[in-house]
N, C-alpha and C. Protein backbone atom coordinates (compact mmCIF):
# COMPACT_ATOMS: atom_id res chain seq x y z
N MET A 1 -8.48 92.26 161.58
CA MET A 1 -7.85 93.56 161.62
C MET A 1 -8.57 94.47 160.63
N GLU A 2 -8.95 95.61 161.11
CA GLU A 2 -9.68 96.56 160.27
C GLU A 2 -8.72 97.55 159.62
N ILE A 3 -9.20 98.21 158.59
CA ILE A 3 -8.40 99.19 157.87
C ILE A 3 -7.99 100.34 158.79
N LYS A 4 -8.85 100.66 159.74
CA LYS A 4 -8.55 101.74 160.68
C LYS A 4 -7.32 101.37 161.53
N ASP A 5 -7.23 100.10 161.91
CA ASP A 5 -6.08 99.64 162.68
C ASP A 5 -4.79 99.71 161.86
N ILE A 6 -4.88 99.30 160.61
CA ILE A 6 -3.71 99.32 159.73
C ILE A 6 -3.21 100.74 159.53
N ILE A 7 -4.12 101.66 159.31
CA ILE A 7 -3.74 103.06 159.13
C ILE A 7 -3.12 103.60 160.41
N GLY A 8 -3.68 103.22 161.55
CA GLY A 8 -3.13 103.66 162.82
C GLY A 8 -1.71 103.16 163.04
N TYR A 9 -1.47 101.89 162.72
CA TYR A 9 -0.12 101.34 162.86
C TYR A 9 0.85 102.02 161.90
N THR A 10 0.39 102.29 160.71
CA THR A 10 1.26 102.92 159.73
C THR A 10 1.66 104.32 160.18
N THR A 11 0.71 105.08 160.66
CA THR A 11 1.04 106.44 161.09
C THR A 11 1.86 106.44 162.37
N GLU A 12 1.66 105.45 163.21
CA GLU A 12 2.39 105.41 164.49
C GLU A 12 3.81 104.89 164.33
N TYR A 13 3.99 103.86 163.51
CA TYR A 13 5.30 103.23 163.39
C TYR A 13 6.01 103.49 162.07
N GLY A 14 5.35 104.06 161.12
CA GLY A 14 5.94 104.27 159.80
C GLY A 14 7.10 105.23 159.81
N PHE A 15 6.93 106.38 160.46
CA PHE A 15 8.00 107.37 160.49
C PHE A 15 9.25 106.86 161.20
N PRO A 16 9.14 106.27 162.40
CA PRO A 16 10.36 105.75 163.03
C PRO A 16 11.05 104.66 162.21
N MET A 17 10.27 103.82 161.54
CA MET A 17 10.88 102.79 160.70
C MET A 17 11.60 103.40 159.51
N LEU A 18 10.99 104.38 158.89
CA LEU A 18 11.61 105.05 157.74
C LEU A 18 12.87 105.79 158.16
N LEU A 19 12.82 106.47 159.27
CA LEU A 19 13.98 107.20 159.76
C LEU A 19 15.13 106.25 160.10
N SER A 20 14.82 105.15 160.75
CA SER A 20 15.85 104.16 161.08
C SER A 20 16.48 103.58 159.82
N TRP A 21 15.67 103.25 158.84
CA TRP A 21 16.19 102.72 157.58
C TRP A 21 17.11 103.73 156.90
N TYR A 22 16.70 105.00 156.86
CA TYR A 22 17.50 106.05 156.22
C TYR A 22 18.85 106.19 156.92
N LEU A 23 18.82 106.22 158.25
CA LEU A 23 20.07 106.39 158.98
C LEU A 23 20.99 105.19 158.81
N LEU A 24 20.44 103.99 158.81
CA LEU A 24 21.27 102.80 158.60
C LEU A 24 21.92 102.79 157.22
N VAL A 25 21.17 103.15 156.21
CA VAL A 25 21.72 103.19 154.84
C VAL A 25 22.79 104.25 154.74
N ARG A 26 22.57 105.38 155.37
CA ARG A 26 23.53 106.47 155.31
C ARG A 26 24.82 106.12 156.05
N ILE A 27 24.70 105.49 157.20
CA ILE A 27 25.86 105.15 158.01
C ILE A 27 26.64 103.98 157.40
N GLU A 28 25.98 103.13 156.63
CA GLU A 28 26.63 101.94 156.07
C GLU A 28 27.86 102.31 155.24
N GLY A 29 27.74 103.33 154.41
CA GLY A 29 28.87 103.76 153.59
C GLY A 29 30.03 104.28 154.42
N LYS A 30 29.70 105.02 155.46
CA LYS A 30 30.75 105.55 156.32
C LYS A 30 31.44 104.44 157.09
N LEU A 31 30.70 103.42 157.50
CA LEU A 31 31.32 102.29 158.19
C LEU A 31 32.24 101.51 157.26
N ALA A 32 31.88 101.39 156.02
CA ALA A 32 32.73 100.69 155.06
C ALA A 32 34.05 101.44 154.87
N LYS A 33 33.97 102.76 154.76
CA LYS A 33 35.19 103.56 154.62
C LYS A 33 36.05 103.46 155.88
N LEU A 34 35.41 103.48 157.03
CA LEU A 34 36.14 103.37 158.29
C LEU A 34 36.85 102.02 158.39
N THR A 35 36.20 100.97 157.96
CA THR A 35 36.81 99.64 157.97
C THR A 35 38.04 99.61 157.07
N ASP A 36 37.95 100.22 155.90
CA ASP A 36 39.10 100.27 154.98
C ASP A 36 40.26 101.04 155.60
N VAL A 37 39.97 102.16 156.22
CA VAL A 37 41.02 102.98 156.82
C VAL A 37 41.68 102.26 157.99
N ILE A 38 40.90 101.56 158.79
CA ILE A 38 41.47 100.81 159.91
C ILE A 38 42.38 99.70 159.39
N GLY A 39 41.98 99.02 158.32
CA GLY A 39 42.82 98.00 157.72
C GLY A 39 44.13 98.57 157.21
N LEU A 40 44.07 99.72 156.56
CA LEU A 40 45.28 100.38 156.05
C LEU A 40 46.18 100.81 157.20
N LEU A 41 45.60 101.33 158.25
CA LEU A 41 46.36 101.76 159.41
C LEU A 41 47.07 100.58 160.06
N SER A 42 46.39 99.45 160.19
CA SER A 42 47.02 98.29 160.80
C SER A 42 48.16 97.76 159.94
N GLU A 43 48.03 97.83 158.61
CA GLU A 43 49.10 97.42 157.72
C GLU A 43 50.32 98.32 157.90
N ARG A 44 50.10 99.61 158.00
CA ARG A 44 51.22 100.55 158.16
C ARG A 44 51.89 100.39 159.51
N VAL A 45 51.13 100.16 160.55
CA VAL A 45 51.72 99.95 161.88
C VAL A 45 52.53 98.67 161.87
N ALA A 46 52.04 97.63 161.23
CA ALA A 46 52.78 96.37 161.14
C ALA A 46 54.06 96.57 160.34
N GLY A 47 54.02 97.41 159.32
CA GLY A 47 55.22 97.69 158.52
C GLY A 47 56.26 98.48 159.28
N MET A 48 55.84 99.31 160.22
CA MET A 48 56.77 100.09 161.01
C MET A 48 57.50 99.21 162.02
N GLN A 49 56.86 98.17 162.49
CA GLN A 49 57.47 97.31 163.50
C GLN A 49 58.46 96.33 162.89
N ALA A 50 58.33 96.06 161.63
CA ALA A 50 59.20 95.05 160.99
C ALA A 50 60.58 95.60 160.69
């Protein structure tokens, strides 16, 4: 593999990989909050039925 090939792969796939990583990291926090809220909601619904 030549340096020209490595540079080509980096320019071709680097941006999509970086963008995907950024979006996953950003969404991870929101998913954690959503999980907490769903757990709280299920506890409250269970408390209403009792």
